[in-house]
Amino acid sequence: MTERAFEYCSLQYLNQWLEKDSNYCHVLANGNKKEKLQILKSAAGFYRIARNLPTKFDQGQGLIRYEPVLEIIDTVTPQDFSNNTISRIREIEKLLSEKYGRRTVLSLTTKFLWIKIKSPIIIYDSQARIAIGSENGDLESYYDAWKAAFKENQKQIETACRKLSNLTLYTVNPYIDSEYISEVSSNDWFHERVFDIYLWNKGN
């Protein structure tokens, strides 16, 4: 893995943060119910997970789209996942699955949870799973492999992220404040998402 690859991925994720994730996270943390439901719909479309939650299980039951999802994740906090993170994710996954016809919802569970609380959630994604070589559906082995691979490359990722404040002209918002970029890109969760981007590109 080259430093140049992480420089590319860090800019790619910065643009995704500015254009998508920052708004998703802000609204789920601070919005009203209507705004949160709209954001869940937008995020489900962007992350291509909407098909895993058929409308017959919410709108078909007289509910607002994604209302069952919001009821489950709206009150979770990072502290809820500070111990036994994987088992807690599995609990949320089960609740969501039961609301939507007992479908497989592991990937979307981690994506919605990340938007809600960020760390300590690591997103489970099929392309990243392929890249690191873990078994399909095995969240435990995925987390172990993901964390080991991230640790090996953490320094290079941090170095790449420190350069982002000098690249404002290459972002989706060339007028963004460089100090804001420095602050956001110094977070551990940001570094983890940069690594996600790398793995998604590799496993594509």
C-alpha atoms as a PDB file:
ATOM      1  CA  MET A   1       0.000   0.000   0.000  1.00  0.00           C
ATOM      2  CA  THR A   2       1.560   3.238  -1.125  1.00  0.00           C
ATOM      3  CA  GLU A   3       1.387   6.612   0.529  1.00  0.00           C
ATOM      4  CA  ARG A   4       0.048   8.024  -2.728  1.00  0.00           C
ATOM      5  CA  ALA A   5      -2.911   5.637  -2.569  1.00  0.00           C
ATOM      6  CA  PHE A   6      -3.824   6.914   0.878  1.00  0.00           C
ATOM      7  CA  GLU A   7      -3.450  10.513  -0.260  1.00  0.00           C
ATOM      8  CA  TYR A   8      -5.978   9.800  -2.994  1.00  0.00           C
ATOM      9  CA  CYS A   9      -8.333   7.999  -0.614  1.00  0.00           C
ATOM     10  CA  SER A  10      -8.077  10.701   2.041  1.00  0.00           C
ATOM     11  CA  LEU A  11      -9.164  13.365  -0.457  1.00  0.00           C
ATOM     12  CA  GLN A  12     -11.891  11.067  -1.744  1.00  0.00           C
ATOM     13  CA  TYR A  13     -13.284  10.622   1.745  1.00  0.00           C
ATOM     14  CA  LEU A  14     -12.935  14.312   2.590  1.00  0.00           C
ATOM     15  CA  ASN A  15     -15.144  15.095  -0.386  1.00  0.00           C
ATOM     16  CA  GLN A  16     -17.614  12.417   0.683  1.00  0.00           C
ATOM     17  CA  TRP A  17     -17.661  13.873   4.190  1.00  0.00           C
ATOM     18  CA  LEU A  18     -18.242  17.410   2.924  1.00  0.00           C
ATOM     19  CA  GLU A  19     -20.886  16.403   0.404  1.00  0.00           C
ATOM     20  CA  LYS A  20     -22.728  13.611   2.245  1.00  0.00           C
ATOM     21  CA  ASP A  21     -21.651  12.213   5.602  1.00  0.00           C
ATOM     22  CA  SER A  22     -21.286  15.476   7.517  1.00  0.00           C
ATOM     23  CA  ASN A  23     -24.918  16.329   6.860  1.00  0.00           C
ATOM     24  CA  TYR A  24     -26.097  12.799   7.628  1.00  0.00           C
ATOM     25  CA  CYS A  25     -24.303  12.817  10.971  1.00  0.00           C
ATOM     26  CA  HIS A  26     -25.397  16.329  11.904  1.00  0.00           C
ATOM     27  CA  VAL A  27     -29.076  15.754  11.203  1.00  0.00           C
ATOM     28  CA  LEU A  28     -29.236  12.379  12.972  1.00  0.00           C
ATOM     29  CA  ALA A  29     -27.674  14.029  16.009  1.00  0.00           C
ATOM     30  CA  ASN A  30     -29.644  17.288  15.979  1.00  0.00           C
ATOM     31  CA  GLY A  31     -32.613  17.131  13.630  1.00  0.00           C
ATOM     32  CA  ASN A  32     -36.300  16.614  14.283  1.00  0.00           C
ATOM     33  CA  LYS A  33     -38.074  13.389  13.380  1.00  0.00           C
ATOM     34  CA  LYS A  34     -39.011  14.489   9.868  1.00  0.00           C
ATOM     35  CA  GLU A  35     -35.480  15.631   9.106  1.00  0.00           C
ATOM     36  CA  LYS A  36     -33.968  12.425  10.467  1.00  0.00           C
ATOM     37  CA  LEU A  37     -36.260  10.256   8.349  1.00  0.00           C
ATOM     38  CA  GLN A  38     -35.352  12.260   5.252  1.00  0.00           C
ATOM     39  CA  ILE A  39     -31.662  11.819   6.027  1.00  0.00           C
ATOM     40  CA  LEU A  40     -32.051   8.057   6.502  1.00  0.00           C
ATOM     41  CA  LYS A  41     -33.691   7.897   3.090  1.00  0.00           C
ATOM     42  CA  SER A  42     -30.891   9.914   1.517  1.00  0.00           C
ATOM     43  CA  ALA A  43     -28.163   7.857   3.218  1.00  0.00           C
ATOM     44  CA  ALA A  44     -29.824   4.569   2.266  1.00  0.00           C
ATOM     45  CA  GLY A  45     -29.783   5.670  -1.357  1.00  0.00           C
ATOM     46  CA  PHE A  46     -26.186   6.863  -1.283  1.00  0.00           C
ATOM     47  CA  TYR A  47     -24.905   3.739   0.450  1.00  0.00           C
ATOM     48  CA  ARG A  48     -27.063   1.516  -1.777  1.00  0.00           C
ATOM     49  CA  ILE A  49     -28.800  -0.279   1.049  1.00  0.00           C
ATOM     50  CA  ALA A  50     -32.396   0.803   0.433  1.00  0.00           C
ATOM     51  CA  ARG A  51     -33.215  -2.450  -1.380  1.00  0.00           C
ATOM     52  CA  ASN A  52     -32.531  -4.396   1.816  1.00  0.00           C
ATOM     53  CA  LEU A  53     -35.413  -2.644   3.554  1.00  0.00           C
ATOM     54  CA  PRO A  54     -38.533  -3.277   1.413  1.00  0.00           C
ATOM     55  CA  THR A  55     -41.207  -0.592   1.664  1.00  0.00           C
ATOM     56  CA  LYS A  56     -43.899  -3.155   2.451  1.00  0.00           C
ATOM     57  CA  PHE A  57     -42.486  -3.398   5.970  1.00  0.00           C
ATOM     58  CA  ASP A  58     -42.814   0.305   6.753  1.00  0.00           C
ATOM     59  CA  GLN A  59     -44.909   2.275   4.256  1.00  0.00           C
ATOM     60  CA  GLY A  60     -46.920  -0.858   3.559  1.00  0.00           C
ATOM     61  CA  GLN A  61     -47.815  -0.946   7.242  1.00  0.00           C
ATOM     62  CA  GLY A  62     -48.921   2.678   7.348  1.00  0.00           C
ATOM     63  CA  LEU A  63     -45.578   3.943   8.668  1.00  0.00           C
ATOM     64  CA  ILE A  64     -43.263   6.595   7.301  1.00  0.00           C
ATOM     65  CA  ARG A  65     -40.349   5.264   5.271  1.00  0.00           C
ATOM     66  CA  TYR A  66     -37.556   4.145   7.650  1.00  0.00           C
ATOM     67  CA  GLU A  67     -39.601   4.941  10.746  1.00  0.00           C
ATOM     68  CA  PRO A  68     -38.823   1.510  12.299  1.00  0.00           C
ATOM     69  CA  VAL A  69     -35.108   2.138  11.690  1.00  0.00           C
ATOM     70  CA  LEU A  70     -35.199   5.508  13.407  1.00  0.00           C
ATOM     71  CA  GLU A  71     -37.065   4.105  16.407  1.00  0.00           C
ATOM     72  CA  ILE A  72     -34.260   1.583  16.913  1.00  0.00           C
ATOM     73  CA  ILE A  73     -31.171   3.732  16.362  1.00  0.00           C
ATOM     74  CA  ASP A  74     -32.360   7.154  17.506  1.00  0.00           C
ATOM     75  CA  THR A  75     -31.399   6.744  21.152  1.00  0.00           C
ATOM     76  CA  VAL A  76     -28.164   4.748  20.839  1.00  0.00           C
ATOM     77  CA  THR A  77     -24.952   6.358  22.096  1.00  0.00           C
ATOM     78  CA  PRO A  78     -21.243   5.567  21.683  1.00  0.00           C
ATOM     79  CA  GLN A  79     -21.234   4.377  25.301  1.00  0.00           C
ATOM     80  CA  ASP A  80     -23.707   1.636  24.386  1.00  0.00           C
ATOM     81  CA  PHE A  81     -20.980   0.115  22.206  1.00  0.00           C
ATOM     82  CA  SER A  82     -17.923   0.803  24.336  1.00  0.00           C
ATOM     83  CA  ASN A  83     -17.946  -2.774  25.629  1.00  0.00           C
ATOM     84  CA  ASN A  84     -18.903  -5.854  23.622  1.00  0.00           C
ATOM     85  CA  THR A  85     -19.199  -3.765  20.465  1.00  0.00           C
ATOM     86  CA  ILE A  86     -19.850  -6.696  18.165  1.00  0.00           C
ATOM     87  CA  SER A  87     -22.550  -8.280  20.310  1.00  0.00           C
ATOM     88  CA  ARG A  88     -24.307  -4.910  20.606  1.00  0.00           C
ATOM     89  CA  ILE A  89     -24.201  -4.455  16.825  1.00  0.00           C
ATOM     90  CA  ARG A  90     -25.694  -7.905  16.470  1.00  0.00           C
ATOM     91  CA  GLU A  91     -28.517  -6.923  18.810  1.00  0.00           C
ATOM     92  CA  ILE A  92     -29.353  -3.887  16.685  1.00  0.00           C
ATOM     93  CA  GLU A  93     -29.046  -5.997  13.536  1.00  0.00           C
ATOM     94  CA  LYS A  94     -31.571  -8.476  14.947  1.00  0.00           C
ATOM     95  CA  LEU A  95     -34.033  -5.721  15.826  1.00  0.00           C
ATOM     96  CA  LEU A  96     -33.817  -4.235  12.338  1.00  0.00           C
ATOM     97  CA  SER A  97     -34.076  -7.640  10.692  1.00  0.00           C
ATOM     98  CA  GLU A  98     -37.216  -8.464  12.657  1.00  0.00           C
ATOM     99  CA  LYS A  99     -38.822  -5.209  11.516  1.00  0.00           C
ATOM    100  CA  TYR A 100     -38.041  -5.897   7.858  1.00  0.00           C
ATOM    101  CA  GLY A 101     -38.992  -9.503   7.252  1.00  0.00           C
ATOM    102  CA  ARG A 102     -35.974 -11.131   8.865  1.00  0.00           C
ATOM    103  CA  ARG A 103     -33.694 -10.097   6.039  1.00  0.00           C
ATOM    104  CA  THR A 104     -29.908  -9.900   6.099  1.00  0.00           C
ATOM    105  CA  VAL A 105     -29.126  -6.383   7.304  1.00  0.00           C
ATOM    106  CA  LEU A 106     -25.619  -6.536   8.786  1.00  0.00           C
ATOM    107  CA  SER A 107     -24.008  -4.078   6.375  1.00  0.00           C
ATOM    108  CA  LEU A 108     -26.789  -1.514   6.587  1.00  0.00           C
ATOM    109  CA  THR A 109     -26.882  -1.857  10.383  1.00  0.00           C
ATOM    110  CA  THR A 110     -23.236  -0.825  10.656  1.00  0.00           C
ATOM    111  CA  LYS A 111     -23.690   1.978   8.131  1.00  0.00           C
ATOM    112  CA  PHE A 112     -26.665   3.494   9.923  1.00  0.00           C
ATOM    113  CA  LEU A 113     -24.961   3.072  13.291  1.00  0.00           C
ATOM    114  CA  TRP A 114     -21.814   4.765  12.015  1.00  0.00           C
ATOM    115  CA  ILE A 115     -23.815   7.739  10.791  1.00  0.00           C
ATOM    116  CA  LYS A 116     -25.475   7.918  14.182  1.00  0.00           C
ATOM    117  CA  ILE A 117     -22.428   7.599  16.467  1.00  0.00           C
ATOM    118  CA  LYS A 118     -19.241   7.058  14.393  1.00  0.00           C
ATOM    119  CA  SER A 119     -16.711   5.392  16.734  1.00  0.00           C
ATOM    120  CA  PRO A 120     -16.465   2.651  17.836  1.00  0.00           C
ATOM    121  CA  ILE A 121     -18.440   1.382  14.816  1.00  0.00           C
ATOM    122  CA  ILE A 122     -16.510  -0.037  11.876  1.00  0.00           C
ATOM    123  CA  ILE A 123     -18.605  -0.356   8.739  1.00  0.00           C
ATOM    124  CA  TYR A 124     -19.077  -3.878   7.437  1.00  0.00           C
ATOM    125  CA  ASP A 125     -19.044  -3.792   3.639  1.00  0.00           C
ATOM    126  CA  SER A 126     -18.861  -6.581   1.069  1.00  0.00           C
ATOM    127  CA  GLN A 127     -16.094  -4.912  -0.959  1.00  0.00           C
ATOM    128  CA  ALA A 128     -13.980  -4.292   2.134  1.00  0.00           C
ATOM    129  CA  ARG A 129     -14.616  -7.867   3.269  1.00  0.00           C
ATOM    130  CA  ILE A 130     -13.309  -9.165  -0.053  1.00  0.00           C
ATOM    131  CA  ALA A 131     -10.259  -6.919   0.211  1.00  0.00           C
ATOM    132  CA  ILE A 132      -9.259  -8.204   3.641  1.00  0.00           C
ATOM    133  CA  GLY A 133     -10.328 -11.804   3.011  1.00  0.00           C
ATOM    134  CA  SER A 134     -12.761 -12.473   5.849  1.00  0.00           C
ATOM    135  CA  GLU A 135     -15.700 -14.870   5.654  1.00  0.00           C
ATOM    136  CA  ASN A 136     -19.056 -13.537   4.510  1.00  0.00           C
ATOM    137  CA  GLY A 137     -21.246 -12.570   7.462  1.00  0.00           C
ATOM    138  CA  ASP A 138     -18.555 -13.203  10.085  1.00  0.00           C
ATOM    139  CA  LEU A 139     -18.418  -9.828  11.812  1.00  0.00           C
ATOM    140  CA  GLU A 140     -15.927 -10.986  14.426  1.00  0.00           C
ATOM    141  CA  SER A 141     -13.296 -12.100  11.925  1.00  0.00           C
ATOM    142  CA  TYR A 142     -13.981  -9.029   9.812  1.00  0.00           C
ATOM    143  CA  TYR A 143     -13.318  -6.711  12.742  1.00  0.00           C
ATOM    144  CA  ASP A 144     -10.136  -8.566  13.676  1.00  0.00           C
ATOM    145  CA  ALA A 145      -8.789  -8.497  10.106  1.00  0.00           C
ATOM    146  CA  TRP A 146      -9.862  -4.913   9.509  1.00  0.00           C
ATOM    147  CA  LYS A 147      -8.232  -3.624  12.703  1.00  0.00           C
ATOM    148  CA  ALA A 148      -4.995  -5.519  12.043  1.00  0.00           C
ATOM    149  CA  ALA A 149      -4.759  -4.150   8.503  1.00  0.00           C
ATOM    150  CA  PHE A 150      -5.606  -0.631   9.659  1.00  0.00           C
ATOM    151  CA  LYS A 151      -2.922  -0.701  12.335  1.00  0.00           C
ATOM    152  CA  GLU A 152      -0.311  -1.656   9.743  1.00  0.00           C
ATOM    153  CA  ASN A 153      -1.174   1.390   7.667  1.00  0.00           C
ATOM    154  CA  GLN A 154      -2.279   3.878  10.301  1.00  0.00           C
ATOM    155  CA  LYS A 155       0.833   6.051  10.171  1.00  0.00           C
ATOM    156  CA  GLN A 156       0.643   6.464   6.405  1.00  0.00           C
ATOM    157  CA  ILE A 157      -3.048   7.311   6.638  1.00  0.00           C
ATOM    158  CA  GLU A 158      -2.399   9.928   9.323  1.00  0.00           C
ATOM    159  CA  THR A 159       0.377  11.441   7.203  1.00  0.00           C
ATOM    160  CA  ALA A 160      -1.928  11.641   4.191  1.00  0.00           C
ATOM    161  CA  CYS A 161      -4.681  13.253   6.240  1.00  0.00           C
ATOM    162  CA  ARG A 162      -2.364  15.942   7.564  1.00  0.00           C
ATOM    163  CA  LYS A 163      -1.889  17.156   3.983  1.00  0.00           C
ATOM    164  CA  LEU A 164      -5.584  17.679   3.348  1.00  0.00           C
ATOM    165  CA  SER A 165      -5.725  21.219   4.716  1.00  0.00           C
ATOM    166  CA  ASN A 166      -3.503  22.257   1.795  1.00  0.00           C
ATOM    167  CA  LEU A 167      -5.858  20.761  -0.782  1.00  0.00           C
ATOM    168  CA  THR A 168      -8.947  22.915  -0.369  1.00  0.00           C
ATOM    169  CA  LEU A 169      -8.995  23.778  -4.071  1.00  0.00           C
ATOM    170  CA  TYR A 170      -9.452  20.087  -4.888  1.00  0.00           C
ATOM    171  CA  THR A 171     -12.486  19.603  -2.669  1.00  0.00           C
ATOM    172  CA  VAL A 172     -16.171  19.827  -3.569  1.00  0.00           C
ATOM    173  CA  ASN A 173     -16.139  23.125  -1.663  1.00  0.00           C
ATOM    174  CA  PRO A 174     -12.975  25.048  -2.596  1.00  0.00           C
ATOM    175  CA  TYR A 175     -13.927  27.796  -0.139  1.00  0.00           C
ATOM    176  CA  ILE A 176     -13.982  25.477   2.882  1.00  0.00           C
ATOM    177  CA  ASP A 177     -11.891  26.656   5.802  1.00  0.00           C
ATOM    178  CA  SER A 178      -8.544  24.854   6.013  1.00  0.00           C
ATOM    179  CA  GLU A 179      -8.716  24.861   9.816  1.00  0.00           C
ATOM    180  CA  TYR A 180     -11.999  22.967   9.637  1.00  0.00           C
ATOM    181  CA  ILE A 181     -10.375  20.398   7.373  1.00  0.00           C
ATOM    182  CA  SER A 182      -7.460  20.023   9.775  1.00  0.00           C
ATOM    183  CA  GLU A 183      -9.816  19.523  12.701  1.00  0.00           C
ATOM    184  CA  VAL A 184     -12.062  16.985  10.983  1.00  0.00           C
ATOM    185  CA  SER A 185      -9.276  14.999   9.337  1.00  0.00           C
ATOM    186  CA  SER A 186      -7.375  14.604  12.627  1.00  0.00           C
ATOM    187  CA  ASN A 187     -10.101  12.386  14.093  1.00  0.00           C
ATOM    188  CA  ASP A 188      -9.549   8.656  14.432  1.00  0.00           C
ATOM    189  CA  TRP A 189     -12.944   7.988  12.834  1.00  0.00           C
ATOM    190  CA  PHE A 190     -11.894  10.000   9.788  1.00  0.00           C
ATOM    191  CA  HIS A 191      -8.725   7.925   9.421  1.00  0.00           C
ATOM    192  CA  GLU A 192     -10.819   4.775   9.668  1.00  0.00           C
ATOM    193  CA  ARG A 193     -13.125   5.953   6.908  1.00  0.00           C
ATOM    194  CA  VAL A 194     -10.141   6.743   4.685  1.00  0.00           C
ATOM    195  CA  PHE A 195      -9.084   3.141   5.149  1.00  0.00           C
ATOM    196  CA  ASP A 196     -12.627   2.063   4.275  1.00  0.00           C
ATOM    197  CA  ILE A 197     -12.346   3.965   1.004  1.00  0.00           C
ATOM    198  CA  TYR A 198      -9.059   2.230   0.275  1.00  0.00           C
ATOM    199  CA  LEU A 199     -10.559  -1.195   0.950  1.00  0.00           C
ATOM    200  CA  TRP A 200     -13.697  -0.474  -1.066  1.00  0.00           C
ATOM    201  CA  ASN A 201     -11.575   0.532  -4.043  1.00  0.00           C
ATOM    202  CA  LYS A 202      -9.388  -2.535  -3.642  1.00  0.00           C
ATOM    203  CA  GLY A 203     -12.303  -4.945  -3.284  1.00  0.00           C
ATOM    204  CA  ASN A 204     -14.322  -3.495  -6.146  1.00  0.00           C
END
